[in-house]
Amino acid sequence: MAKRYDKCRRAPDHHKKYGREWQRIRDRYATAHPYCERCLEEGRMTLMDEVHHIVPISKGGTHDPENLMSLCQSCHNRIHLELGDRHTHE
């Protein structure tokens, strides 16, 4: 699963915010929560692609499990579009 997760493209400053510690936390969380938590709420079993910070690190969030959720790529993109911090490519 980690290989599939790592295929996602990251910003050049990604390693400044997230390092080896985050990788370990992320991998543990993904192992414990292998399905998209939003899809599960809607009765669908979709494998997770991303571990998402509910409160972003840039806004004071932490890597605590209570601030994390497993999401598929579609749900992760939808959350960021709703937040207005990502744009669609048209």
C-alpha atoms as a PDB file:
ATOM      1  CA  MET A   1       0.000   0.000   0.000  1.00  0.00           C
ATOM      2  CA  ALA A   2       2.882   2.395   0.768  1.00  0.00           C
ATOM      3  CA  LYS A   3       4.154   2.068  -2.816  1.00  0.00           C
ATOM      4  CA  ARG A   4       0.773   3.112  -4.170  1.00  0.00           C
ATOM      5  CA  TYR A   5       0.604   6.014  -1.693  1.00  0.00           C
ATOM      6  CA  ASP A   6       4.099   7.228  -2.592  1.00  0.00           C
ATOM      7  CA  LYS A   7       3.183   7.496  -6.285  1.00  0.00           C
ATOM      8  CA  CYS A   8       1.344  10.736  -5.506  1.00  0.00           C
ATOM      9  CA  ARG A   9       3.222  13.833  -6.589  1.00  0.00           C
ATOM     10  CA  ARG A  10       4.377  16.080  -3.789  1.00  0.00           C
ATOM     11  CA  ALA A  11       5.341  19.734  -3.611  1.00  0.00           C
ATOM     12  CA  PRO A  12       9.098  20.441  -3.578  1.00  0.00           C
ATOM     13  CA  ASP A  13       8.945  21.595   0.069  1.00  0.00           C
ATOM     14  CA  HIS A  14       7.086  18.455   1.141  1.00  0.00           C
ATOM     15  CA  HIS A  15      10.021  17.048   3.112  1.00  0.00           C
ATOM     16  CA  LYS A  16      10.366  20.264   5.103  1.00  0.00           C
ATOM     17  CA  LYS A  17       6.867  19.739   6.541  1.00  0.00           C
ATOM     18  CA  TYR A  18       6.816  15.961   6.505  1.00  0.00           C
ATOM     19  CA  GLY A  19       9.808  13.786   7.195  1.00  0.00           C
ATOM     20  CA  ARG A  20      10.614  10.252   8.192  1.00  0.00           C
ATOM     21  CA  GLU A  21       8.528  10.562  11.348  1.00  0.00           C
ATOM     22  CA  TRP A  22       5.439  11.447   9.275  1.00  0.00           C
ATOM     23  CA  GLN A  23       6.090   8.499   6.952  1.00  0.00           C
ATOM     24  CA  ARG A  24       6.051   6.122   9.919  1.00  0.00           C
ATOM     25  CA  ILE A  25       2.892   7.675  11.366  1.00  0.00           C
ATOM     26  CA  ARG A  26       1.214   7.651   7.956  1.00  0.00           C
ATOM     27  CA  ASP A  27       2.135   4.019   7.302  1.00  0.00           C
ATOM     28  CA  ARG A  28       0.840   2.919  10.726  1.00  0.00           C
ATOM     29  CA  TYR A  29      -2.402   4.846  10.208  1.00  0.00           C
ATOM     30  CA  ALA A  30      -2.869   3.463   6.684  1.00  0.00           C
ATOM     31  CA  THR A  31      -2.331  -0.087   7.952  1.00  0.00           C
ATOM     32  CA  ALA A  32      -4.914   0.420  10.698  1.00  0.00           C
ATOM     33  CA  HIS A  33      -7.366   2.208   8.340  1.00  0.00           C
ATOM     34  CA  PRO A  34      -6.968   0.633   4.870  1.00  0.00           C
ATOM     35  CA  TYR A  35     -10.282   1.942   3.514  1.00  0.00           C
ATOM     36  CA  CYS A  36     -11.454   5.464   2.721  1.00  0.00           C
ATOM     37  CA  GLU A  37     -13.277   6.650   5.817  1.00  0.00           C
ATOM     38  CA  ARG A  38     -15.681   8.877   3.856  1.00  0.00           C
ATOM     39  CA  CYS A  39     -16.611   6.077   1.469  1.00  0.00           C
ATOM     40  CA  LEU A  40     -17.191   3.712   4.413  1.00  0.00           C
ATOM     41  CA  GLU A  41     -19.659   6.238   5.869  1.00  0.00           C
ATOM     42  CA  GLU A  42     -21.590   5.950   2.590  1.00  0.00           C
ATOM     43  CA  GLY A  43     -21.466   2.140   2.545  1.00  0.00           C
ATOM     44  CA  ARG A  44     -18.662   1.775  -0.025  1.00  0.00           C
ATOM     45  CA  MET A  45     -15.413  -0.093   0.563  1.00  0.00           C
ATOM     46  CA  THR A  46     -12.763   1.858  -1.345  1.00  0.00           C
ATOM     47  CA  LEU A  47      -9.068   1.370  -0.650  1.00  0.00           C
ATOM     48  CA  MET A  48      -7.390   4.454   0.778  1.00  0.00           C
ATOM     49  CA  ASP A  49      -4.832   6.462  -1.206  1.00  0.00           C
ATOM     50  CA  GLU A  50      -4.047   9.326   1.180  1.00  0.00           C
ATOM     51  CA  VAL A  51      -3.786   9.991   4.899  1.00  0.00           C
ATOM     52  CA  HIS A  52      -5.374  13.406   5.316  1.00  0.00           C
ATOM     53  CA  HIS A  53      -4.860  15.940   8.110  1.00  0.00           C
ATOM     54  CA  ILE A  54      -8.298  17.154   9.222  1.00  0.00           C
ATOM     55  CA  VAL A  55      -6.728  20.352  10.564  1.00  0.00           C
ATOM     56  CA  PRO A  56      -3.803  21.083   8.228  1.00  0.00           C
ATOM     57  CA  ILE A  57      -0.294  21.258   9.685  1.00  0.00           C
ATOM     58  CA  SER A  58      -0.080  24.807   8.284  1.00  0.00           C
ATOM     59  CA  LYS A  59      -3.073  25.764  10.458  1.00  0.00           C
ATOM     60  CA  GLY A  60      -1.768  24.210  13.666  1.00  0.00           C
ATOM     61  CA  GLY A  61      -2.844  20.608  13.101  1.00  0.00           C
ATOM     62  CA  THR A  62      -0.787  17.681  14.327  1.00  0.00           C
ATOM     63  CA  HIS A  63       0.034  14.139  13.276  1.00  0.00           C
ATOM     64  CA  ASP A  64      -2.120  12.785  16.137  1.00  0.00           C
ATOM     65  CA  PRO A  65      -4.441   9.977  15.015  1.00  0.00           C
ATOM     66  CA  GLU A  66      -7.473  12.085  16.023  1.00  0.00           C
ATOM     67  CA  ASN A  67      -6.445  14.601  13.341  1.00  0.00           C
ATOM     68  CA  LEU A  68      -5.983  12.010  10.581  1.00  0.00           C
ATOM     69  CA  MET A  69      -8.288  10.189   8.214  1.00  0.00           C
ATOM     70  CA  SER A  70      -7.741   7.723   5.392  1.00  0.00           C
ATOM     71  CA  LEU A  71      -9.212   8.857   2.083  1.00  0.00           C
ATOM     72  CA  CYS A  72      -9.364   7.660  -1.507  1.00  0.00           C
ATOM     73  CA  GLN A  73      -7.992  10.089  -4.092  1.00  0.00           C
ATOM     74  CA  SER A  74     -11.489  11.211  -5.107  1.00  0.00           C
ATOM     75  CA  CYS A  75     -12.582  12.072  -1.552  1.00  0.00           C
ATOM     76  CA  HIS A  76      -9.245  13.725  -0.804  1.00  0.00           C
ATOM     77  CA  ASN A  77      -9.521  15.933  -3.884  1.00  0.00           C
ATOM     78  CA  ARG A  78     -13.139  16.763  -3.040  1.00  0.00           C
ATOM     79  CA  ILE A  79     -12.185  17.911   0.481  1.00  0.00           C
ATOM     80  CA  HIS A  80      -9.439  20.185  -0.846  1.00  0.00           C
ATOM     81  CA  LEU A  81     -11.724  21.609  -3.529  1.00  0.00           C
ATOM     82  CA  GLU A  82     -14.317  22.349  -0.837  1.00  0.00           C
ATOM     83  CA  LEU A  83     -11.618  24.045   1.251  1.00  0.00           C
ATOM     84  CA  GLY A  84     -10.570  26.073  -1.778  1.00  0.00           C
ATOM     85  CA  ASP A  85      -6.891  25.221  -1.488  1.00  0.00           C
ATOM     86  CA  ARG A  86      -6.690  23.212  -4.711  1.00  0.00           C
ATOM     87  CA  HIS A  87      -7.870  23.930  -8.215  1.00  0.00           C
ATOM     88  CA  THR A  88      -9.155  21.659 -10.925  1.00  0.00           C
ATOM     89  CA  HIS A  89      -7.120  21.340 -14.095  1.00  0.00           C
ATOM     90  CA  GLU A  90      -9.353  22.372 -16.988  1.00  0.00           C
END
